[in-house]
Amino acid sequence: MMKPISPTVHAALDYGVAGALLTVPHVLRMSTRATVFFGAFGTVATVVNALTRTPLGIKPVLSLRAHRTADLVSDPLYVLLPVLTGISKEPKARALWLTSTALLAGSVALTDWDAPESA
């Protein structure tokens, strides 16, 4: 199956989702628990993305394979923790969580991880 998302587009999507996770909870005045959760994952996404060898990487030291591994490890936690902590019961947090989960899952599934890396 041809994967339509290049590593560069994946990086752009990651920065966009991370930006939303870092700002939307504040704008919508979500609970402290939701704000901390989304902020933590937004920060991790930003750091991993900034360290990945793509044209959008700031200090490109991680391979695409390492980035994919980070996604595959962190995404299940991102799905599970809101349920365990009760964040998923907050309507605004649930909307952000479900929307961002769909974006993250689609981005990981549709990225061409075998594309050549940037230097």
PDB file of N, CA and C in Angstrom:
ATOM      1  N   MET A   1       0.833  -1.184   0.000  1.00  0.00           N
ATOM      2  CA  MET A   1       0.000   0.000   0.000  1.00  0.00           C
ATOM      3  C   MET A   1       0.881   1.252   0.000  1.00  0.00           C
ATOM      4  N   MET A   2       0.589   2.150  -0.897  1.00  0.00           N
ATOM      5  CA  MET A   2       1.336   3.394  -0.950  1.00  0.00           C
ATOM      6  C   MET A   2       0.906   4.291   0.217  1.00  0.00           C
ATOM      7  N   LYS A   3       1.884   4.840   0.899  1.00  0.00           N
ATOM      8  CA  LYS A   3       1.611   5.716   2.045  1.00  0.00           C
ATOM      9  C   LYS A   3       1.718   7.168   1.574  1.00  0.00           C
ATOM     10  N   PRO A   4       0.627   7.932   1.650  1.00  0.00           N
ATOM     11  CA  PRO A   4       0.614   9.275   1.064  1.00  0.00           C
ATOM     12  C   PRO A   4       1.259  10.386   1.893  1.00  0.00           C
ATOM     13  N   ILE A   5       1.593  10.116   3.149  1.00  0.00           N
ATOM     14  CA  ILE A   5       2.153  11.171   3.995  1.00  0.00           C
ATOM     15  C   ILE A   5       3.669  11.021   4.055  1.00  0.00           C
ATOM     16  N   SER A   6       4.371  12.043   3.605  1.00  0.00           N
ATOM     17  CA  SER A   6       5.838  12.039   3.662  1.00  0.00           C
ATOM     18  C   SER A   6       6.281  12.345   5.100  1.00  0.00           C
ATOM     19  N   PRO A   7       7.529  12.028   5.426  1.00  0.00           N
ATOM     20  CA  PRO A   7       8.024  12.392   6.758  1.00  0.00           C
ATOM     21  C   PRO A   7       7.925  13.894   7.037  1.00  0.00           C
ATOM     22  N   THR A   8       8.109  14.720   6.025  1.00  0.00           N
ATOM     23  CA  THR A   8       8.001  16.171   6.228  1.00  0.00           C
ATOM     24  C   THR A   8       6.571  16.568   6.568  1.00  0.00           C
ATOM     25  N   VAL A   9       5.606  16.000   5.862  1.00  0.00           N
ATOM     26  CA  VAL A   9       4.196  16.296   6.169  1.00  0.00           C
ATOM     27  C   VAL A   9       3.845  15.746   7.547  1.00  0.00           C
ATOM     28  N   HIS A  10       4.351  14.562   7.873  1.00  0.00           N
ATOM     29  CA  HIS A  10       4.120  13.994   9.204  1.00  0.00           C
ATOM     30  C   HIS A  10       4.642  14.963  10.273  1.00  0.00           C
ATOM     31  N   ALA A  11       5.840  15.497  10.046  1.00  0.00           N
ATOM     32  CA  ALA A  11       6.416  16.450  11.003  1.00  0.00           C
ATOM     33  C   ALA A  11       5.531  17.683  11.136  1.00  0.00           C
ATOM     34  N   ALA A  12       5.037  18.200  10.028  1.00  0.00           N
ATOM     35  CA  ALA A  12       4.163  19.378  10.075  1.00  0.00           C
ATOM     36  C   ALA A  12       2.887  19.061  10.847  1.00  0.00           C
ATOM     37  N   LEU A  13       2.308  17.893  10.601  1.00  0.00           N
ATOM     38  CA  LEU A  13       1.107  17.487  11.342  1.00  0.00           C
ATOM     39  C   LEU A  13       1.418  17.352  12.835  1.00  0.00           C
ATOM     40  N   ASP A  14       2.558  16.760  13.160  1.00  0.00           N
ATOM     41  CA  ASP A  14       2.946  16.614  14.573  1.00  0.00           C
ATOM     42  C   ASP A  14       3.072  17.972  15.255  1.00  0.00           C
ATOM     43  N   TYR A  15       3.715  18.925  14.582  1.00  0.00           N
ATOM     44  CA  TYR A  15       3.839  20.265  15.172  1.00  0.00           C
ATOM     45  C   TYR A  15       2.455  20.893  15.361  1.00  0.00           C
ATOM     46  N   GLY A  16       1.570  20.682  14.401  1.00  0.00           N
ATOM     47  CA  GLY A  16       0.216  21.235  14.519  1.00  0.00           C
ATOM     48  C   GLY A  16      -0.558  20.632  15.676  1.00  0.00           C
ATOM     49  N   VAL A  17      -0.519  19.314  15.790  1.00  0.00           N
ATOM     50  CA  VAL A  17      -1.211  18.641  16.901  1.00  0.00           C
ATOM     51  C   VAL A  17      -0.577  19.054  18.229  1.00  0.00           C
ATOM     52  N   ALA A  18       0.747  19.094  18.284  1.00  0.00           N
ATOM     53  CA  ALA A  18       1.431  19.497  19.523  1.00  0.00           C
ATOM     54  C   ALA A  18       1.033  20.919  19.914  1.00  0.00           C
ATOM     55  N   GLY A  19       0.981  21.809  18.943  1.00  0.00           N
ATOM     56  CA  GLY A  19       0.562  23.183  19.224  1.00  0.00           C
ATOM     57  C   GLY A  19      -0.843  23.244  19.780  1.00  0.00           C
ATOM     58  N   ALA A  20      -1.732  22.435  19.210  1.00  0.00           N
ATOM     59  CA  ALA A  20      -3.108  22.389  19.716  1.00  0.00           C
ATOM     60  C   ALA A  20      -3.146  21.843  21.140  1.00  0.00           C
ATOM     61  N   LEU A  21      -2.379  20.786  21.400  1.00  0.00           N
ATOM     62  CA  LEU A  21      -2.366  20.200  22.745  1.00  0.00           C
ATOM     63  C   LEU A  21      -1.820  21.175  23.783  1.00  0.00           C
ATOM     64  N   LEU A  22      -0.914  22.026  23.359  1.00  0.00           N
ATOM     65  CA  LEU A  22      -0.317  22.988  24.287  1.00  0.00           C
ATOM     66  C   LEU A  22      -1.177  24.226  24.500  1.00  0.00           C
ATOM     67  N   THR A  23      -2.071  24.541  23.574  1.00  0.00           N
ATOM     68  CA  THR A  23      -2.838  25.788  23.691  1.00  0.00           C
ATOM     69  C   THR A  23      -4.327  25.601  23.957  1.00  0.00           C
ATOM     70  N   VAL A  24      -4.953  24.645  23.298  1.00  0.00           N
ATOM     71  CA  VAL A  24      -6.415  24.505  23.393  1.00  0.00           C
ATOM     72  C   VAL A  24      -6.903  24.319  24.830  1.00  0.00           C
ATOM     73  N   PRO A  25      -6.243  23.502  25.662  1.00  0.00           N
ATOM     74  CA  PRO A  25      -6.733  23.365  27.041  1.00  0.00           C
ATOM     75  C   PRO A  25      -6.787  24.690  27.799  1.00  0.00           C
ATOM     76  N   HIS A  26      -5.848  25.588  27.520  1.00  0.00           N
ATOM     77  CA  HIS A  26      -5.848  26.899  28.180  1.00  0.00           C
ATOM     78  C   HIS A  26      -6.973  27.771  27.629  1.00  0.00           C
ATOM     79  N   VAL A  27      -7.098  27.783  26.320  1.00  0.00           N
ATOM     80  CA  VAL A  27      -8.128  28.610  25.677  1.00  0.00           C
ATOM     81  C   VAL A  27      -9.522  28.187  26.128  1.00  0.00           C
ATOM     82  N   LEU A  28      -9.749  26.879  26.231  1.00  0.00           N
ATOM     83  CA  LEU A  28     -11.066  26.363  26.624  1.00  0.00           C
ATOM     84  C   LEU A  28     -11.215  26.202  28.136  1.00  0.00           C
ATOM     85  N   ARG A  29     -10.217  26.630  28.880  1.00  0.00           N
ATOM     86  CA  ARG A  29     -10.235  26.563  30.350  1.00  0.00           C
ATOM     87  C   ARG A  29     -10.593  25.157  30.865  1.00  0.00           C
ATOM     88  N   MET A  30      -9.836  24.188  30.387  1.00  0.00           N
ATOM     89  CA  MET A  30     -10.030  22.813  30.844  1.00  0.00           C
ATOM     90  C   MET A  30      -9.468  22.657  32.251  1.00  0.00           C
ATOM     91  N   SER A  31      -9.773  21.539  32.862  1.00  0.00           N
ATOM     92  CA  SER A  31      -9.289  21.262  34.218  1.00  0.00           C
ATOM     93  C   SER A  31      -7.758  21.236  34.240  1.00  0.00           C
ATOM     94  N   THR A  32      -7.217  21.381  35.421  1.00  0.00           N
ATOM     95  CA  THR A  32      -5.767  21.310  35.583  1.00  0.00           C
ATOM     96  C   THR A  32      -5.256  19.955  35.133  1.00  0.00           C
ATOM     97  N   ARG A  33      -5.964  18.908  35.479  1.00  0.00           N
ATOM     98  CA  ARG A  33      -5.548  17.556  35.098  1.00  0.00           C
ATOM     99  C   ARG A  33      -5.472  17.418  33.577  1.00  0.00           C
ATOM    100  N   ALA A  34      -6.482  17.911  32.861  1.00  0.00           N
ATOM    101  CA  ALA A  34      -6.490  17.840  31.400  1.00  0.00           C
ATOM    102  C   ALA A  34      -5.390  18.713  30.811  1.00  0.00           C
ATOM    103  N   THR A  35      -5.208  19.899  31.359  1.00  0.00           N
ATOM    104  CA  THR A  35      -4.182  20.817  30.866  1.00  0.00           C
ATOM    105  C   THR A  35      -2.791  20.213  31.028  1.00  0.00           C
ATOM    106  N   VAL A  36      -2.524  19.589  32.158  1.00  0.00           N
ATOM    107  CA  VAL A  36      -1.229  18.952  32.391  1.00  0.00           C
ATOM    108  C   VAL A  36      -1.049  17.762  31.443  1.00  0.00           C
ATOM    109  N   PHE A  37      -2.069  16.936  31.297  1.00  0.00           N
ATOM    110  CA  PHE A  37      -1.979  15.777  30.404  1.00  0.00           C
ATOM    111  C   PHE A  37      -1.668  16.205  28.977  1.00  0.00           C
ATOM    112  N   PHE A  38      -2.482  17.103  28.432  1.00  0.00           N
ATOM    113  CA  PHE A  38      -2.274  17.529  27.057  1.00  0.00           C
ATOM    114  C   PHE A  38      -0.956  18.281  26.907  1.00  0.00           C
ATOM    115  N   GLY A  39      -0.600  19.074  27.903  1.00  0.00           N
ATOM    116  CA  GLY A  39       0.667  19.793  27.860  1.00  0.00           C
ATOM    117  C   GLY A  39       1.861  18.858  27.834  1.00  0.00           C
ATOM    118  N   ALA A  40       1.799  17.794  28.627  1.00  0.00           N
ATOM    119  CA  ALA A  40       2.898  16.829  28.656  1.00  0.00           C
ATOM    120  C   ALA A  40       3.057  16.151  27.296  1.00  0.00           C
ATOM    121  N   PHE A  41       1.956  15.695  26.731  1.00  0.00           N
ATOM    122  CA  PHE A  41       2.045  15.027  25.433  1.00  0.00           C
ATOM    123  C   PHE A  41       2.401  16.005  24.323  1.00  0.00           C
ATOM    124  N   GLY A  42       1.931  17.222  24.410  1.00  0.00           N
ATOM    125  CA  GLY A  42       2.301  18.235  23.420  1.00  0.00           C
ATOM    126  C   GLY A  42       3.789  18.544  23.473  1.00  0.00           C
ATOM    127  N   THR A  43       4.332  18.583  24.677  1.00  0.00           N
ATOM    128  CA  THR A  43       5.765  18.829  24.840  1.00  0.00           C
ATOM    129  C   THR A  43       6.583  17.672  24.294  1.00  0.00           C
ATOM    130  N   VAL A  44       6.195  16.454  24.631  1.00  0.00           N
ATOM    131  CA  VAL A  44       6.909  15.276  24.120  1.00  0.00           C
ATOM    132  C   VAL A  44       6.866  15.252  22.595  1.00  0.00           C
ATOM    133  N   ALA A  45       5.702  15.500  22.022  1.00  0.00           N
ATOM    134  CA  ALA A  45       5.574  15.499  20.559  1.00  0.00           C
ATOM    135  C   ALA A  45       6.467  16.559  19.925  1.00  0.00           C
ATOM    136  N   THR A  46       6.516  17.723  20.530  1.00  0.00           N
ATOM    137  CA  THR A  46       7.364  18.803  20.005  1.00  0.00           C
ATOM    138  C   THR A  46       8.833  18.420  20.064  1.00  0.00           C
ATOM    139  N   VAL A  47       9.276  17.873  21.182  1.00  0.00           N
ATOM    140  CA  VAL A  47      10.687  17.515  21.350  1.00  0.00           C
ATOM    141  C   VAL A  47      11.080  16.396  20.386  1.00  0.00           C
ATOM    142  N   VAL A  48      10.285  15.333  20.333  1.00  0.00           N
ATOM    143  CA  VAL A  48      10.601  14.226  19.418  1.00  0.00           C
ATOM    144  C   VAL A  48      10.644  14.730  17.980  1.00  0.00           C
ATOM    145  N   ASN A  49       9.688  15.536  17.616  1.00  0.00           N
ATOM    146  CA  ASN A  49       9.624  16.077  16.260  1.00  0.00           C
ATOM    147  C   ASN A  49      10.830  16.961  15.956  1.00  0.00           C
ATOM    148  N   ALA A  50      11.187  17.813  16.889  1.00  0.00           N
ATOM    149  CA  ALA A  50      12.321  18.717  16.685  1.00  0.00           C
ATOM    150  C   ALA A  50      13.640  17.967  16.566  1.00  0.00           C
ATOM    151  N   LEU A  51      13.706  16.769  17.147  1.00  0.00           N
ATOM    152  CA  LEU A  51      14.936  15.977  17.118  1.00  0.00           C
ATOM    153  C   LEU A  51      14.989  14.971  15.970  1.00  0.00           C
ATOM    154  N   THR A  52      13.933  14.890  15.171  1.00  0.00           N
ATOM    155  CA  THR A  52      13.871  13.907  14.095  1.00  0.00           C
ATOM    156  C   THR A  52      14.470  14.461  12.808  1.00  0.00           C
ATOM    157  N   ARG A  53      15.158  13.579  12.077  1.00  0.00           N
ATOM    158  CA  ARG A  53      15.799  13.970  10.814  1.00  0.00           C
ATOM    159  C   ARG A  53      14.768  14.151   9.707  1.00  0.00           C
ATOM    160  N   THR A  54      14.164  15.326   9.697  1.00  0.00           N
ATOM    161  CA  THR A  54      13.293  15.765   8.606  1.00  0.00           C
ATOM    162  C   THR A  54      13.677  17.217   8.324  1.00  0.00           C
ATOM    163  N   PRO A  55      13.219  17.773   7.201  1.00  0.00           N
ATOM    164  CA  PRO A  55      13.509  19.188   6.947  1.00  0.00           C
ATOM    165  C   PRO A  55      12.965  20.126   8.035  1.00  0.00           C
ATOM    166  N   LEU A  56      12.021  19.661   8.827  1.00  0.00           N
ATOM    167  CA  LEU A  56      11.453  20.490   9.886  1.00  0.00           C
ATOM    168  C   LEU A  56      12.100  20.247  11.248  1.00  0.00           C
ATOM    169  N   GLY A  57      13.047  19.315  11.307  1.00  0.00           N
ATOM    170  CA  GLY A  57      13.760  19.053  12.554  1.00  0.00           C
ATOM    171  C   GLY A  57      14.678  20.213  12.911  1.00  0.00           C
ATOM    172  N   ILE A  58      14.763  20.522  14.177  1.00  0.00           N
ATOM    173  CA  ILE A  58      15.604  21.631  14.641  1.00  0.00           C
ATOM    174  C   ILE A  58      17.016  21.137  14.961  1.00  0.00           C
ATOM    175  N   LYS A  59      17.106  20.029  15.651  1.00  0.00           N
ATOM    176  CA  LYS A  59      18.384  19.379  15.964  1.00  0.00           C
ATOM    177  C   LYS A  59      18.208  17.917  15.566  1.00  0.00           C
ATOM    178  N   PRO A  60      18.305  17.624  14.264  1.00  0.00           N
ATOM    179  CA  PRO A  60      17.932  16.302  13.744  1.00  0.00           C
ATOM    180  C   PRO A  60      18.913  15.185  14.110  1.00  0.00           C
ATOM    181  N   VAL A  61      18.647  14.528  15.213  1.00  0.00           N
ATOM    182  CA  VAL A  61      19.495  13.427  15.670  1.00  0.00           C
ATOM    183  C   VAL A  61      18.763  12.082  15.690  1.00  0.00           C
ATOM    184  N   LEU A  62      17.447  12.087  15.674  1.00  0.00           N
ATOM    185  CA  LEU A  62      16.670  10.843  15.698  1.00  0.00           C
ATOM    186  C   LEU A  62      16.333  10.398  14.283  1.00  0.00           C
ATOM    187  N   SER A  63      16.430   9.113  14.048  1.00  0.00           N
ATOM    188  CA  SER A  63      16.028   8.561  12.756  1.00  0.00           C
ATOM    189  C   SER A  63      14.498   8.529  12.656  1.00  0.00           C
ATOM    190  N   LEU A  64      14.012   8.358  11.439  1.00  0.00           N
ATOM    191  CA  LEU A  64      12.563   8.189  11.261  1.00  0.00           C
ATOM    192  C   LEU A  64      12.083   6.947  12.004  1.00  0.00           C
ATOM    193  N   ARG A  65      12.898   5.907  12.000  1.00  0.00           N
ATOM    194  CA  ARG A  65      12.541   4.666  12.716  1.00  0.00           C
ATOM    195  C   ARG A  65      12.385   4.933  14.213  1.00  0.00           C
ATOM    196  N   ALA A  66      13.282   5.729  14.792  1.00  0.00           N
ATOM    197  CA  ALA A  66      13.177   6.073  16.217  1.00  0.00           C
ATOM    198  C   ALA A  66      11.929   6.920  16.472  1.00  0.00           C
ATOM    199  N   HIS A  67      11.628   7.831  15.558  1.00  0.00           N
ATOM    200  CA  HIS A  67      10.416   8.654  15.692  1.00  0.00           C
ATOM    201  C   HIS A  67       9.185   7.754  15.649  1.00  0.00           C
ATOM    202  N   ARG A  68       9.161   6.823  14.698  1.00  0.00           N
ATOM    203  CA  ARG A  68       8.025   5.897  14.605  1.00  0.00           C
ATOM    204  C   ARG A  68       7.894   5.084  15.887  1.00  0.00           C
ATOM    205  N   THR A  69       9.012   4.619  16.432  1.00  0.00           N
ATOM    206  CA  THR A  69       8.972   3.855  17.682  1.00  0.00           C
ATOM    207  C   THR A  69       8.405   4.708  18.808  1.00  0.00           C
ATOM    208  N   ALA A  70       8.834   5.960  18.885  1.00  0.00           N
ATOM    209  CA  ALA A  70       8.293   6.866  19.905  1.00  0.00           C
ATOM    210  C   ALA A  70       6.788   7.025  19.740  1.00  0.00           C
ATOM    211  N   ASP A  71       6.325   7.170  18.495  1.00  0.00           N
ATOM    212  CA  ASP A  71       4.882   7.269  18.243  1.00  0.00           C
ATOM    213  C   ASP A  71       4.163   5.991  18.676  1.00  0.00           C
ATOM    214  N   LEU A  72       4.723   4.844  18.310  1.00  0.00           N
ATOM    215  CA  LEU A  72       4.062   3.576  18.616  1.00  0.00           C
ATOM    216  C   LEU A  72       4.053   3.258  20.110  1.00  0.00           C
ATOM    217  N   VAL A  73       4.991   3.823  20.859  1.00  0.00           N
ATOM    218  CA  VAL A  73       5.019   3.636  22.314  1.00  0.00           C
ATOM    219  C   VAL A  73       4.098   4.640  23.009  1.00  0.00           C
ATOM    220  N   SER A  74       4.150   5.892  22.574  1.00  0.00           N
ATOM    221  CA  SER A  74       3.398   6.932  23.278  1.00  0.00           C
ATOM    222  C   SER A  74       1.911   6.974  22.903  1.00  0.00           C
ATOM    223  N   ASP A  75       1.575   6.620  21.676  1.00  0.00           N
ATOM    224  CA  ASP A  75       0.172   6.728  21.264  1.00  0.00           C
ATOM    225  C   ASP A  75      -0.778   5.838  22.068  1.00  0.00           C
ATOM    226  N   PRO A  76      -0.428   4.584  22.380  1.00  0.00           N
ATOM    227  CA  PRO A  76      -1.325   3.799  23.246  1.00  0.00           C
ATOM    228  C   PRO A  76      -1.506   4.425  24.634  1.00  0.00           C
ATOM    229  N   LEU A  77      -0.445   5.023  25.165  1.00  0.00           N
ATOM    230  CA  LEU A  77      -0.571   5.716  26.447  1.00  0.00           C
ATOM    231  C   LEU A  77      -1.511   6.902  26.322  1.00  0.00           C
ATOM    232  N   TYR A  78      -1.404   7.597  25.188  1.00  0.00           N
ATOM    233  CA  TYR A  78      -2.266   8.758  24.932  1.00  0.00           C
ATOM    234  C   TYR A  78      -3.733   8.338  24.869  1.00  0.00           C
ATOM    235  N   VAL A  79      -3.987   7.152  24.363  1.00  0.00           N
ATOM    236  CA  VAL A  79      -5.357   6.649  24.283  1.00  0.00           C
ATOM    237  C   VAL A  79      -5.859   6.202  25.657  1.00  0.00           C
ATOM    238  N   LEU A  80      -4.999   5.573  26.435  1.00  0.00           N
ATOM    239  CA  LEU A  80      -5.412   4.951  27.694  1.00  0.00           C
ATOM    240  C   LEU A  80      -5.481   5.910  28.890  1.00  0.00           C
ATOM    241  N   LEU A  81      -4.526   6.807  29.025  1.00  0.00           N
ATOM    242  CA  LEU A  81      -4.452   7.644  30.233  1.00  0.00           C
ATOM    243  C   LEU A  81      -5.690   8.502  30.492  1.00  0.00           C
ATOM    244  N   PRO A  82      -6.322   9.111  29.486  1.00  0.00           N
ATOM    245  CA  PRO A  82      -7.532   9.884  29.789  1.00  0.00           C
ATOM    246  C   PRO A  82      -8.664   9.041  30.387  1.00  0.00           C
ATOM    247  N   VAL A  83      -8.727   7.783  29.996  1.00  0.00           N
ATOM    248  CA  VAL A  83      -9.746   6.898  30.561  1.00  0.00           C
ATOM    249  C   VAL A  83      -9.409   6.595  32.017  1.00  0.00           C
ATOM    250  N   LEU A  84      -8.138   6.292  32.277  1.00  0.00           N
ATOM    251  CA  LEU A  84      -7.713   5.946  33.636  1.00  0.00           C
ATOM    252  C   LEU A  84      -7.771   7.126  34.596  1.00  0.00           C
ATOM    253  N   THR A  85      -7.548   8.332  34.094  1.00  0.00           N
ATOM    254  CA  THR A  85      -7.512   9.512  34.963  1.00  0.00           C
ATOM    255  C   THR A  85      -8.846  10.248  35.052  1.00  0.00           C
ATOM    256  N   GLY A  86      -9.801   9.865  34.230  1.00  0.00           N
ATOM    257  CA  GLY A  86     -11.100  10.532  34.239  1.00  0.00           C
ATOM    258  C   GLY A  86     -11.198  11.730  33.312  1.00  0.00           C
ATOM    259  N   ILE A  87     -10.107  12.066  32.643  1.00  0.00           N
ATOM    260  CA  ILE A  87     -10.136  13.200  31.722  1.00  0.00           C
ATOM    261  C   ILE A  87     -11.157  12.964  30.615  1.00  0.00           C
ATOM    262  N   SER A  88     -11.328  11.718  30.223  1.00  0.00           N
ATOM    263  CA  SER A  88     -12.255  11.394  29.133  1.00  0.00           C
ATOM    264  C   SER A  88     -13.708  11.715  29.489  1.00  0.00           C
ATOM    265  N   LYS A  89     -14.005  11.965  30.753  1.00  0.00           N
ATOM    266  CA  LYS A  89     -15.368  12.316  31.174  1.00  0.00           C
ATOM    267  C   LYS A  89     -15.652  13.804  31.045  1.00  0.00           C
ATOM    268  N   GLU A  90     -14.600  14.600  30.849  1.00  0.00           N
ATOM    269  CA  GLU A  90     -14.778  16.046  30.692  1.00  0.00           C
ATOM    270  C   GLU A  90     -15.103  16.323  29.214  1.00  0.00           C
ATOM    271  N   PRO A  91     -16.250  16.908  28.910  1.00  0.00           N
ATOM    272  CA  PRO A  91     -16.662  17.068  27.503  1.00  0.00           C
ATOM    273  C   PRO A  91     -15.645  17.775  26.603  1.00  0.00           C
ATOM    274  N   LYS A  92     -15.082  18.880  27.033  1.00  0.00           N
ATOM    275  CA  LYS A  92     -14.118  19.605  26.183  1.00  0.00           C
ATOM    276  C   LYS A  92     -12.832  18.803  26.021  1.00  0.00           C
ATOM    277  N   ALA A  93     -12.371  18.206  27.103  1.00  0.00           N
ATOM    278  CA  ALA A  93     -11.155  17.397  27.040  1.00  0.00           C
ATOM    279  C   ALA A  93     -11.389  16.158  26.174  1.00  0.00           C
ATOM    280  N   ARG A  94     -12.543  15.547  26.300  1.00  0.00           N
ATOM    281  CA  ARG A  94     -12.869  14.370  25.495  1.00  0.00           C
ATOM    282  C   ARG A  94     -12.854  14.711  24.003  1.00  0.00           C
ATOM    283  N   ALA A  95     -13.405  15.866  23.650  1.00  0.00           N
ATOM    284  CA  ALA A  95     -13.427  16.272  22.244  1.00  0.00           C
ATOM    285  C   ALA A  95     -11.999  16.453  21.707  1.00  0.00           C
ATOM    286  N   LEU A  96     -11.143  17.123  22.479  1.00  0.00           N
ATOM    287  CA  LEU A  96      -9.758  17.304  22.047  1.00  0.00           C
ATOM    288  C   LEU A  96      -9.035  15.971  21.985  1.00  0.00           C
ATOM    289  N   TRP A  97      -9.244  15.141  22.973  1.00  0.00           N
ATOM    290  CA  TRP A  97      -8.595  13.830  23.044  1.00  0.00           C
ATOM    291  C   TRP A  97      -8.980  12.953  21.857  1.00  0.00           C
ATOM    292  N   LEU A  98     -10.271  12.841  21.571  1.00  0.00           N
ATOM    293  CA  LEU A  98     -10.710  11.982  20.474  1.00  0.00           C
ATOM    294  C   LEU A  98     -10.275  12.522  19.112  1.00  0.00           C
ATOM    295  N   THR A  99     -10.359  13.823  18.938  1.00  0.00           N
ATOM    296  CA  THR A  99      -9.934  14.430  17.674  1.00  0.00           C
ATOM    297  C   THR A  99      -8.437  14.237  17.459  1.00  0.00           C
ATOM    298  N   SER A 100      -7.653  14.537  18.465  1.00  0.00           N
ATOM    299  CA  SER A 100      -6.204  14.404  18.324  1.00  0.00           C
ATOM    300  C   SER A 100      -5.789  12.938  18.202  1.00  0.00           C
ATOM    301  N   THR A 101      -6.504  12.029  18.865  1.00  0.00           N
ATOM    302  CA  THR A 101      -6.211  10.600  18.727  1.00  0.00           C
ATOM    303  C   THR A 101      -6.412  10.159  17.283  1.00  0.00           C
ATOM    304  N   ALA A 102      -7.494  10.596  16.670  1.00  0.00           N
ATOM    305  CA  ALA A 102      -7.752  10.239  15.267  1.00  0.00           C
ATOM    306  C   ALA A 102      -6.669  10.805  14.349  1.00  0.00           C
ATOM    307  N   LEU A 103      -6.275  12.050  14.598  1.00  0.00           N
ATOM    308  CA  LEU A 103      -5.220  12.667  13.780  1.00  0.00           C
ATOM    309  C   LEU A 103      -3.891  11.933  13.953  1.00  0.00           C
ATOM    310  N   LEU A 104      -3.535  11.618  15.178  1.00  0.00           N
ATOM    311  CA  LEU A 104      -2.276  10.918  15.436  1.00  0.00           C
ATOM    312  C   LEU A 104      -2.279   9.523  14.810  1.00  0.00           C
ATOM    313  N   ALA A 105      -3.362   8.793  14.982  1.00  0.00           N
ATOM    314  CA  ALA A 105      -3.439   7.438  14.433  1.00  0.00           C
ATOM    315  C   ALA A 105      -3.371   7.464  12.907  1.00  0.00           C
ATOM    316  N   GLY A 106      -4.103   8.384  12.303  1.00  0.00           N
ATOM    317  CA  GLY A 106      -4.072   8.495  10.847  1.00  0.00           C
ATOM    318  C   GLY A 106      -2.700   8.882  10.342  1.00  0.00           C
ATOM    319  N   SER A 107      -2.070   9.798  11.026  1.00  0.00           N
ATOM    320  CA  SER A 107      -0.740  10.250  10.623  1.00  0.00           C
ATOM    321  C   SER A 107       0.279   9.120  10.704  1.00  0.00           C
ATOM    322  N   VAL A 108       0.249   8.346  11.767  1.00  0.00           N
ATOM    323  CA  VAL A 108       1.186   7.231  11.914  1.00  0.00           C
ATOM    324  C   VAL A 108       0.905   6.157  10.862  1.00  0.00           C
ATOM    325  N   ALA A 109      -0.361   5.831  10.674  1.00  0.00           N
ATOM    326  CA  ALA A 109      -0.724   4.766   9.737  1.00  0.00           C
ATOM    327  C   ALA A 109      -0.435   5.125   8.287  1.00  0.00           C
ATOM    328  N   LEU A 110      -0.540   6.398   7.937  1.00  0.00           N
ATOM    329  CA  LEU A 110      -0.414   6.803   6.539  1.00  0.00           C
ATOM    330  C   LEU A 110       0.948   7.400   6.178  1.00  0.00           C
ATOM    331  N   THR A 111       1.887   7.423   7.126  1.00  0.00           N
ATOM    332  CA  THR A 111       3.212   7.976   6.845  1.00  0.00           C
ATOM    333  C   THR A 111       4.085   6.947   6.142  1.00  0.00           C
ATOM    334  N   ASP A 112       4.831   7.416   5.153  1.00  0.00           N
ATOM    335  CA  ASP A 112       5.806   6.579   4.447  1.00  0.00           C
ATOM    336  C   ASP A 112       7.094   6.565   5.268  1.00  0.00           C
ATOM    337  N   TRP A 113       7.185   5.623   6.191  1.00  0.00           N
ATOM    338  CA  TRP A 113       8.320   5.542   7.095  1.00  0.00           C
ATOM    339  C   TRP A 113       9.586   5.069   6.389  1.00  0.00           C
ATOM    340  N   ASP A 114       9.454   4.552   5.176  1.00  0.00           N
ATOM    341  CA  ASP A 114      10.620   4.075   4.429  1.00  0.00           C
ATOM    342  C   ASP A 114      11.176   5.142   3.489  1.00  0.00           C
ATOM    343  N   ALA A 115      10.619   6.340   3.528  1.00  0.00           N
ATOM    344  CA  ALA A 115      11.116   7.432   2.678  1.00  0.00           C
ATOM    345  C   ALA A 115      12.539   7.795   3.107  1.00  0.00           C
ATOM    346  N   PRO A 116      13.331   8.336   2.177  1.00  0.00           N
ATOM    347  CA  PRO A 116      14.697   8.754   2.548  1.00  0.00           C
ATOM    348  C   PRO A 116      14.666   9.834   3.623  1.00  0.00           C
ATOM    349  N   GLU A 117      15.627   9.749   4.533  1.00  0.00           N
ATOM    350  CA  GLU A 117      15.727  10.745   5.597  1.00  0.00           C
ATOM    351  C   GLU A 117      16.472  11.985   5.110  1.00  0.00           C
ATOM    352  N   SER A 118      16.192  13.083   5.773  1.00  0.00           N
ATOM    353  CA  SER A 118      16.954  14.303   5.522  1.00  0.00           C
ATOM    354  C   SER A 118      18.274  14.223   6.254  1.00  0.00           C
ATOM    355  N   ALA A 119      19.238  14.954   5.781  1.00  0.00           N
ATOM    356  CA  ALA A 119      20.560  14.947   6.426  1.00  0.00           C
ATOM    357  C   ALA A 119      20.563  15.765   7.695  1.00  0.00           C
TER     358      ALA A 119
END
